[in-house]
Protein backbone atom coordinates (compact mmCIF):
# COMPACT_ATOMS: atom_id res chain seq x y z
CA UNK A 1 -16.57 -8.11 3.49
CA UNK A 2 -13.88 -5.85 4.94
CA UNK A 3 -11.15 -4.81 2.54
CA UNK A 4 -7.54 -4.11 3.30
CA UNK A 5 -5.90 -0.89 2.13
CA UNK A 6 -2.52 -1.37 0.45
CA UNK A 7 0.31 0.28 2.42
CA UNK A 8 3.18 0.78 -0.07
CA UNK A 9 5.97 2.31 2.08
CA UNK A 10 7.28 2.16 5.65
CA UNK A 11 6.48 5.87 6.03
CA UNK A 12 2.90 5.27 4.99
CA UNK A 13 2.64 2.33 7.39
CA UNK A 14 3.92 4.42 10.31
CA UNK A 15 1.51 7.24 9.43
CA UNK A 16 -1.37 4.73 9.18
CA UNK A 17 -0.63 3.30 12.64
CA UNK A 18 -0.05 6.70 14.25
CA UNK A 19 -3.22 8.33 12.90
CA UNK A 20 -5.74 5.58 13.67
CA UNK A 21 -6.73 4.37 17.12
CA UNK A 22 -7.17 0.75 15.97
CA UNK A 23 -5.10 -0.66 13.12
CA UNK A 24 -4.64 -4.18 11.84
CA UNK A 25 -1.79 -5.08 9.51
CA UNK A 26 -1.76 -8.12 7.25
CA UNK A 27 1.77 -8.78 6.01
CA UNK A 28 2.24 -11.23 3.16
CA UNK A 29 4.27 -12.07 0.07
CA UNK A 30 2.90 -12.64 -3.44
CA UNK A 31 4.31 -16.19 -3.69
CA UNK A 32 2.83 -17.32 -0.34
CA UNK A 33 -0.11 -19.66 -0.88
CA UNK A 34 -0.95 -19.67 2.84
CA UNK A 35 -1.13 -15.85 2.74
CA UNK A 36 -3.56 -15.90 -0.18
CA UNK A 37 -5.75 -18.56 1.40
CA UNK A 38 -5.86 -16.89 4.81
CA UNK A 39 -6.66 -13.35 3.65
CA UNK A 40 -10.36 -13.92 2.79
CA UNK A 41 -10.90 -15.67 6.11
CA UNK A 42 -9.33 -12.77 8.00
CA UNK A 43 -11.40 -10.27 5.98
CA UNK A 44 -14.55 -12.11 7.08
CA UNK A 45 -13.51 -11.95 10.74
CA UNK A 46 -12.69 -8.26 10.43
CA UNK A 47 -16.31 -7.57 9.40
CA UNK A 48 -17.07 -7.89 13.13
CA UNK A 49 -14.73 -4.99 13.94
CA UNK A 50 -15.80 -2.03 11.80
CA UNK A 51 -13.76 0.58 13.69
CA UNK A 52 -10.45 -1.15 12.97
CA UNK A 53 -8.55 0.28 9.99
CA UNK A 54 -7.11 -2.50 7.85
CA UNK A 55 -3.76 -2.38 6.08
CA UNK A 56 -2.11 -4.89 3.76
CA UNK A 57 1.66 -4.93 3.25
CA UNK A 58 3.59 -6.76 0.55
CA UNK A 59 6.81 -7.72 2.38
CA UNK A 60 8.64 -8.07 -0.94
CA UNK A 61 7.99 -4.39 -1.74
CA UNK A 62 8.37 -2.98 1.79
CA UNK A 63 11.48 -4.83 2.91
CA UNK A 64 11.98 -2.52 5.92
CA UNK A 65 8.93 -4.16 7.52
CA UNK A 66 11.11 -7.06 8.70
CA UNK A 67 13.46 -4.86 10.69
CA UNK A 68 11.00 -2.33 12.02
CA UNK A 69 8.35 -4.80 13.19
CA UNK A 70 10.48 -7.95 13.61
CA UNK A 71 8.52 -9.82 10.97
CA UNK A 72 10.56 -12.70 9.61
CA UNK A 73 7.83 -14.99 8.32
CA UNK A 74 4.53 -14.51 6.54
CA UNK A 75 1.68 -14.27 6.91
CA UNK A 76 2.02 -11.96 9.89
CA UNK A 77 -1.00 -10.29 11.48
CA UNK A 78 -0.53 -7.36 13.86
CA UNK A 79 -3.13 -5.37 15.81
CA UNK A 80 -2.20 -1.94 17.14
CA UNK A 81 -4.15 0.12 19.68
CA UNK A 82 -3.06 3.75 19.84
CA UNK A 83 0.21 2.83 18.14
CA UNK A 84 1.07 -0.02 20.51
CA UNK A 85 1.13 -3.63 19.35
CA UNK A 86 -1.43 -5.79 21.16
CA UNK A 87 -1.73 -8.91 18.99
CA UNK A 88 0.80 -10.72 16.82
CA UNK A 89 0.07 -13.90 14.91
CA UNK A 90 2.42 -15.36 12.34
CA UNK A 91 2.75 -18.33 10.01
CA UNK A 92 0.15 -20.66 11.55
CA UNK A 93 -2.87 -18.59 12.55
CA UNK A 94 -5.65 -20.11 14.64
CA UNK A 95 -8.61 -18.05 13.52
CA UNK A 96 -10.84 -18.90 16.50
CA UNK A 97 -8.20 -17.73 18.95
CA UNK A 98 -7.48 -14.63 16.89
CA UNK A 99 -11.14 -13.68 16.88
CA UNK A 100 -11.44 -14.20 20.66
CA UNK A 101 -8.40 -11.99 21.30
CA UNK A 102 -9.72 -9.35 18.90
CA UNK A 103 -13.14 -9.38 20.58
CA UNK A 104 -11.67 -8.85 24.02
CA UNK A 105 -9.50 -5.92 22.98
CA UNK A 106 -12.08 -4.38 20.67
CA UNK A 107 -14.82 -4.37 23.32
CA UNK A 108 -12.47 -2.83 25.87
CA UNK A 109 -11.27 -0.06 23.54
CA UNK A 110 -14.55 0.74 21.77
CA UNK A 111 -16.72 0.62 24.93
CA UNK A 112 -14.44 3.01 26.86
């Protein structure tokens, strides 16, 4: 199963996005039961996309995440391609739709 790398600072997050063609951020809070329940399901989906670098952000520790990425609720899931945001899902995440969107973008980027 794909594992998310912890991204502890806003500088590290920006570096992570800038230096990887495909990045996926999972933003959560420790006291969010939805966040904890959703993470393993997202990890399973991400197994289908091995070239995407995975980052996990604790919004309680990296409070700047709200302002920089306009994230005001958790969980928030963001996909970046060459530093540009392509997918944003927050709060209620429909996993089937997320996977379809990811497939479409992934095939386009990886096959080029």
